[in-house]
Protein backbone atom coordinates (compact mmCIF):
# COMPACT_ATOMS: atom_id res chain seq x y z
CA MET A 1 68.97 91.22 81.82
CA LYS A 2 71.19 89.58 79.23
CA ALA A 3 72.96 86.30 79.93
CA LYS A 4 76.23 87.69 78.64
CA TYR A 5 77.85 91.12 78.58
CA ARG A 6 81.10 92.17 76.98
CA ILE A 7 82.54 95.09 78.95
CA THR A 8 85.74 97.09 78.80
CA GLY A 9 86.83 98.41 82.17
CA LEU A 10 89.16 101.36 82.66
CA MET A 11 90.91 102.10 85.93
CA SER A 12 93.61 104.50 87.06
CA GLY A 13 94.73 103.66 90.58
CA SER A 14 96.10 105.91 93.29
CA SER A 15 99.60 104.44 92.79
CA MET A 16 99.55 106.23 89.40
CA ASP A 17 101.53 103.57 87.56
CA GLY A 18 99.27 103.88 84.52
CA THR A 19 95.85 103.31 82.99
CA ASP A 20 94.56 99.74 83.28
CA LEU A 21 92.31 98.43 80.50
CA ALA A 22 90.56 95.06 80.54
CA CYS A 23 87.89 93.65 78.24
CA CYS A 24 85.91 90.87 79.90
CA ASP A 25 82.91 88.70 79.20
CA LEU A 26 80.48 88.45 82.13
CA ILE A 27 78.31 85.34 81.86
CA TRP A 28 75.20 84.38 83.85
CA ASN A 29 75.04 80.59 84.33
CA GLY A 30 71.59 80.52 85.91
CA GLN A 31 72.90 80.67 89.46
CA GLY A 32 75.67 83.24 89.45
CA TRP A 33 78.06 85.31 87.38
CA ASN A 34 81.30 84.08 85.86
CA TYR A 35 83.92 86.16 84.10
CA ARG A 36 86.48 85.65 81.35
CA ILE A 37 89.29 88.14 80.70
CA LEU A 38 89.76 88.53 76.95
CA TYR A 39 92.51 91.17 76.84
CA ALA A 40 94.13 93.35 79.47
CA GLU A 41 97.01 95.80 79.54
CA THR A 42 98.45 98.77 81.42
CA ILE A 43 99.55 101.94 79.64
CA PRO A 44 102.06 103.91 81.75
CA TYR A 45 101.53 107.63 82.20
CA GLY A 46 104.02 110.02 80.68
CA LYS A 47 105.97 112.29 83.03
CA GLU A 48 103.81 115.35 82.31
CA MET A 49 100.50 113.63 82.98
CA LYS A 50 101.81 111.85 86.06
CA SER A 51 103.00 115.18 87.44
CA LYS A 52 99.55 116.66 86.91
CA LEU A 53 97.85 113.77 88.68
CA GLU A 54 100.26 113.98 91.61
CA GLY A 55 99.56 117.66 92.19
CA ALA A 56 95.92 117.99 91.17
CA CYS A 57 94.52 117.55 94.70
CA HIS A 58 95.89 121.05 95.42
CA TRP A 59 94.40 122.67 92.31
CA SER A 60 91.36 124.92 91.98
CA ARG A 61 88.07 123.35 90.92
CA ASN A 62 88.30 125.00 87.49
CA GLU A 63 91.76 123.51 86.95
CA ILE A 64 90.52 120.07 88.02
CA ASP A 65 87.57 120.35 85.63
CA GLU A 66 89.98 121.08 82.78
CA LEU A 67 92.03 118.02 83.75
CA ASP A 68 88.80 116.00 83.78
CA LYS A 69 88.19 116.91 80.14
CA GLU A 70 91.83 116.29 79.19
CA LEU A 71 91.74 112.83 80.77
CA GLY A 72 88.41 112.05 79.10
CA ALA A 73 89.95 112.70 75.69
CA TYR A 74 93.13 110.79 76.60
CA TYR A 75 91.22 107.77 77.91
CA ALA A 76 89.03 107.75 74.80
CA SER A 77 92.12 107.56 72.58
CA LEU A 78 93.49 104.66 74.63
CA LEU A 79 90.17 102.83 74.42
CA ASN A 80 89.82 103.32 70.68
CA ASP A 81 93.32 101.98 70.09
CA PHE A 82 92.75 99.04 72.48
CA HIS A 83 89.47 98.06 70.80
CA LEU A 84 90.88 98.43 67.29
CA ARG A 85 94.01 96.36 67.97
CA HIS A 86 92.04 93.51 69.52
CA MET A 87 88.94 93.83 67.27
CA LEU A 88 86.64 94.37 70.26
CA VAL A 89 83.10 95.76 70.28
CA PRO A 90 82.01 95.98 73.93
CA ASP A 91 78.43 96.48 75.05
CA PHE A 92 79.62 99.35 77.19
CA ILE A 93 82.65 100.86 78.89
CA ALA A 94 82.91 101.00 82.68
CA SER A 95 85.32 103.77 83.61
CA HIS A 96 86.48 104.52 87.12
CA GLY A 97 88.80 107.26 85.96
CA HIS A 98 91.39 108.71 88.33
CA THR A 99 90.61 109.89 91.85
CA ILE A 100 91.71 113.50 92.32
CA LEU A 101 89.87 114.29 95.57
CA HIS A 102 88.55 111.92 98.21
CA ASP A 103 87.33 113.22 101.56
CA PRO A 104 84.00 111.50 102.28
CA GLN A 105 83.75 113.07 105.74
CA ARG A 106 83.14 116.36 103.89
CA GLY A 107 81.02 114.67 101.21
CA VAL A 108 83.75 115.11 98.59
CA THR A 109 84.99 112.65 95.98
CA TYR A 110 86.08 113.41 92.41
CA GLN A 111 87.14 110.92 89.74
CA ALA A 112 88.54 112.64 86.64
CA GLY A 113 88.05 111.29 83.14
CA ASN A 114 84.99 112.92 81.56
CA GLY A 115 82.49 110.21 80.66
CA SER A 116 80.56 112.30 78.14
CA ILE A 117 83.72 113.00 76.15
CA MET A 118 84.65 109.32 76.28
CA ALA A 119 81.21 108.24 75.08
CA GLU A 120 81.23 110.77 72.23
CA ARG A 121 84.71 109.85 71.01
CA THR A 122 84.38 106.07 71.35
CA GLY A 123 80.78 105.77 70.16
CA THR A 124 80.09 103.45 73.10
CA VAL A 125 77.92 103.81 76.20
CA VAL A 126 80.10 104.81 79.16
CA VAL A 127 79.21 104.11 82.78
CA ASN A 128 81.31 106.21 85.16
CA ASP A 129 81.35 108.29 88.36
CA PHE A 130 80.87 105.20 90.51
CA ARG A 131 81.58 106.74 93.91
CA SER A 132 79.58 110.00 94.15
CA GLU A 133 76.16 108.53 94.89
CA ASP A 134 77.46 106.44 97.78
CA VAL A 135 79.24 109.46 99.28
CA ALA A 136 76.09 111.57 98.83
CA GLN A 137 74.22 108.98 100.91
CA GLY A 138 76.79 109.17 103.69
CA GLY A 139 78.99 106.29 102.54
CA GLN A 140 82.73 106.20 101.97
CA GLY A 141 82.62 105.64 98.22
CA ALA A 142 85.63 103.35 98.68
CA PRO A 143 86.83 100.69 98.39
CA LEU A 144 84.90 100.23 95.19
CA VAL A 145 84.68 96.49 94.60
CA PRO A 146 82.97 94.68 97.54
CA MET A 147 79.95 93.54 95.49
CA GLY A 148 82.19 92.40 92.65
CA ASP A 149 84.25 90.41 95.14
CA ARG A 150 81.12 88.78 96.49
CA LEU A 151 79.72 87.93 93.05
CA PHE A 152 82.91 86.61 91.48
CA PHE A 153 84.93 85.28 94.43
CA ALA A 154 82.25 83.89 96.73
CA GLY A 155 84.41 80.85 97.48
CA TYR A 156 86.83 82.99 99.48
CA GLU A 157 86.30 84.30 103.00
CA GLY A 158 87.60 87.70 101.96
CA CYS A 159 89.58 89.60 99.35
CA LEU A 160 92.68 91.73 99.95
CA ASN A 161 93.70 94.40 97.44
CA LEU A 162 97.19 95.90 97.53
CA GLY A 163 96.97 99.02 95.38
CA GLY A 164 97.80 102.61 96.20
CA PHE A 165 96.14 101.71 99.50
CA ALA A 166 95.55 98.27 101.00
CA ASN A 167 91.90 97.38 101.48
CA ILE A 168 89.84 94.38 102.48
CA SER A 169 86.42 93.06 101.49
CA CYS A 170 84.51 90.41 103.46
CA ASP A 171 81.15 89.52 105.00
CA ASN A 172 80.50 90.72 108.54
CA LEU A 173 78.72 88.69 111.23
CA GLU A 174 75.33 89.82 109.89
CA GLY A 175 76.18 88.54 106.41
CA GLN A 176 76.58 92.04 104.98
CA ARG A 177 79.41 92.68 102.55
CA ILE A 178 81.74 95.36 103.90
CA ALA A 179 85.00 96.84 102.68
CA TYR A 180 87.43 99.42 103.98
CA ASP A 181 90.99 100.67 103.66
CA LEU A 182 93.55 99.14 106.00
CA SER A 183 96.64 101.25 105.32
CA PRO A 184 98.72 102.87 102.61
CA ALA A 185 100.47 100.50 100.22
CA ASN A 186 102.01 101.29 96.82
CA MET A 187 101.44 105.04 97.17
CA ALA A 188 103.88 105.14 100.07
CA LEU A 189 106.27 102.51 98.70
CA ASN A 190 106.52 104.14 95.27
CA HIS A 191 107.16 107.52 96.87
CA VAL A 192 110.15 106.09 98.73
CA ALA A 193 111.37 104.36 95.56
CA SER A 194 111.24 107.73 93.76
CA LEU A 195 113.85 109.07 96.21
CA LYS A 196 116.28 106.72 94.46
CA GLY A 197 115.01 107.61 90.99
CA LEU A 198 112.95 104.41 90.73
CA ASP A 199 109.31 103.93 89.74
CA PHE A 200 108.95 101.11 92.28
CA ASP A 201 111.05 98.78 94.42
CA ARG A 202 111.43 95.79 92.12
CA ASP A 203 111.54 92.51 94.07
CA GLY A 204 111.94 94.47 97.32
CA GLU A 205 115.63 95.07 96.62
CA LEU A 206 115.68 98.50 98.27
CA ALA A 207 113.80 97.29 101.34
CA ARG A 208 116.23 94.38 101.78
CA GLN A 209 119.11 96.83 102.06
CA GLY A 210 117.44 98.78 104.88
CA ALA A 211 116.64 98.23 108.53
CA LEU A 212 113.47 98.78 110.57
CA HIS A 213 113.50 101.97 112.66
CA ALA A 214 111.30 101.42 115.68
CA ASP A 215 110.55 105.10 116.40
CA LEU A 216 109.00 105.83 113.00
CA PHE A 217 107.30 102.43 112.97
CA GLU A 218 105.55 103.18 116.28
CA LYS A 219 104.57 106.71 115.25
CA MET A 220 102.95 105.46 112.04
CA ASN A 221 101.04 102.74 113.87
CA GLN A 222 99.66 105.31 116.33
CA LEU A 223 97.99 107.47 113.67
CA ASP A 224 94.33 108.29 114.38
CA TYR A 225 93.06 106.47 111.30
CA TYR A 226 93.99 103.10 112.78
CA LEU A 227 91.84 103.79 115.84
CA GLN A 228 88.71 104.32 113.75
CA SER A 229 86.19 101.57 113.13
CA PRO A 230 84.97 100.79 109.62
CA PRO A 231 83.49 101.99 107.37
CA LYS A 232 86.51 104.16 106.64
CA SER A 233 88.70 105.04 103.67
CA LEU A 234 91.90 106.85 102.76
CA GLY A 235 92.82 109.30 100.02
CA ARG A 236 95.93 110.93 98.62
CA GLU A 237 95.20 113.96 100.83
CA TRP A 238 95.69 111.78 103.94
CA PHE A 239 98.98 110.48 102.63
CA ILE A 240 100.30 113.98 101.85
CA GLU A 241 99.04 115.69 105.01
CA THR A 242 99.44 112.94 107.62
CA LEU A 243 101.80 110.12 106.69
CA LEU A 244 104.30 111.86 104.42
CA PRO A 245 105.33 114.48 107.03
CA LEU A 246 106.18 111.66 109.45
CA MET A 247 108.26 109.95 106.80
CA ASN A 248 110.07 113.17 105.88
CA ARG A 249 110.84 114.15 109.47
CA SER A 250 112.44 110.78 110.12
CA ALA A 251 115.44 111.76 107.92
CA LEU A 252 116.07 108.08 107.22
CA THR A 253 117.95 106.82 104.20
CA PRO A 254 115.65 105.61 101.40
CA GLU A 255 116.66 102.03 102.21
CA ASP A 256 115.75 102.29 105.90
CA LEU A 257 112.61 104.26 105.11
CA MET A 258 111.49 101.61 102.62
CA ALA A 259 112.09 98.80 105.12
CA THR A 260 110.19 100.65 107.85
CA VAL A 261 107.23 101.66 105.69
CA LEU A 262 106.99 98.13 104.33
CA GLU A 263 106.94 96.71 107.86
CA HIS A 264 104.23 99.20 108.81
CA ILE A 265 102.06 98.16 105.86
CA ALA A 266 102.54 94.45 106.63
CA PHE A 267 101.67 95.05 110.30
CA GLN A 268 98.48 96.94 109.51
CA VAL A 269 97.36 94.46 106.84
CA ALA A 270 97.92 91.52 109.20
CA ARG A 271 96.04 93.30 111.97
CA GLY A 272 93.17 94.11 109.63
CA ILE A 273 92.86 90.52 108.47
CA ASN A 274 92.84 89.28 112.07
CA GLU A 275 90.28 91.88 113.18
CA ALA A 276 88.04 90.87 110.26
CA GLY A 277 88.13 87.30 111.58
CA LEU A 278 89.69 85.86 108.44
């Protein structure tokens, strides 16, 4: 093991706001790992690619495999430009890619962004496909970062991530690191914002104009997922098939829908934090 690694990480989250790139130094100090972020940026997706990512969970496997190759080439071009502009030579690239399918109960998870194409076109070792092995062993494959949270943020009782979904990472009573999804987050909020032609609800302006509707709020809080015990995780399929129909049937204005969905997320996150004992 080396005492220092320089790594570029690539991530495309379920909120689909863009591709996140970060080059970091990971340093072993003799007792634990420290990190230093050298450069980081987000490259927004164009309309065509974002549309593909939004609909790909309904595609055939052959179509998804073609998208996997297309994303591998696209990510490689982003990485080459990123490294050239900042004069970076990482030891390797860690690429999560973009989750197209995630249904661990059926043993299915698929992160697009072909690692072999990326390695060939960047000339750098690529580590990818982080989730499949865990799912193959009966795990959820998500959330992805509990061990990173424990290594880098050990001074905190837990870590809360508000991405496409909200998830939590903490130690249980046996001292084991666990993590699980609490609720939707930006995936639902950005969908509502899109009804007004917005990418997201900047500073909560849309939500402030709306009012909580108790009927929808209660129906969302009664969904079966919230009755399950961890480990558990959510995917875009759950949002499309379970939550989105409730939102659509409510026939609320975008402002009221945003306020109600936001309240639902806050309620579930608060409940999850309390149930975790944090």
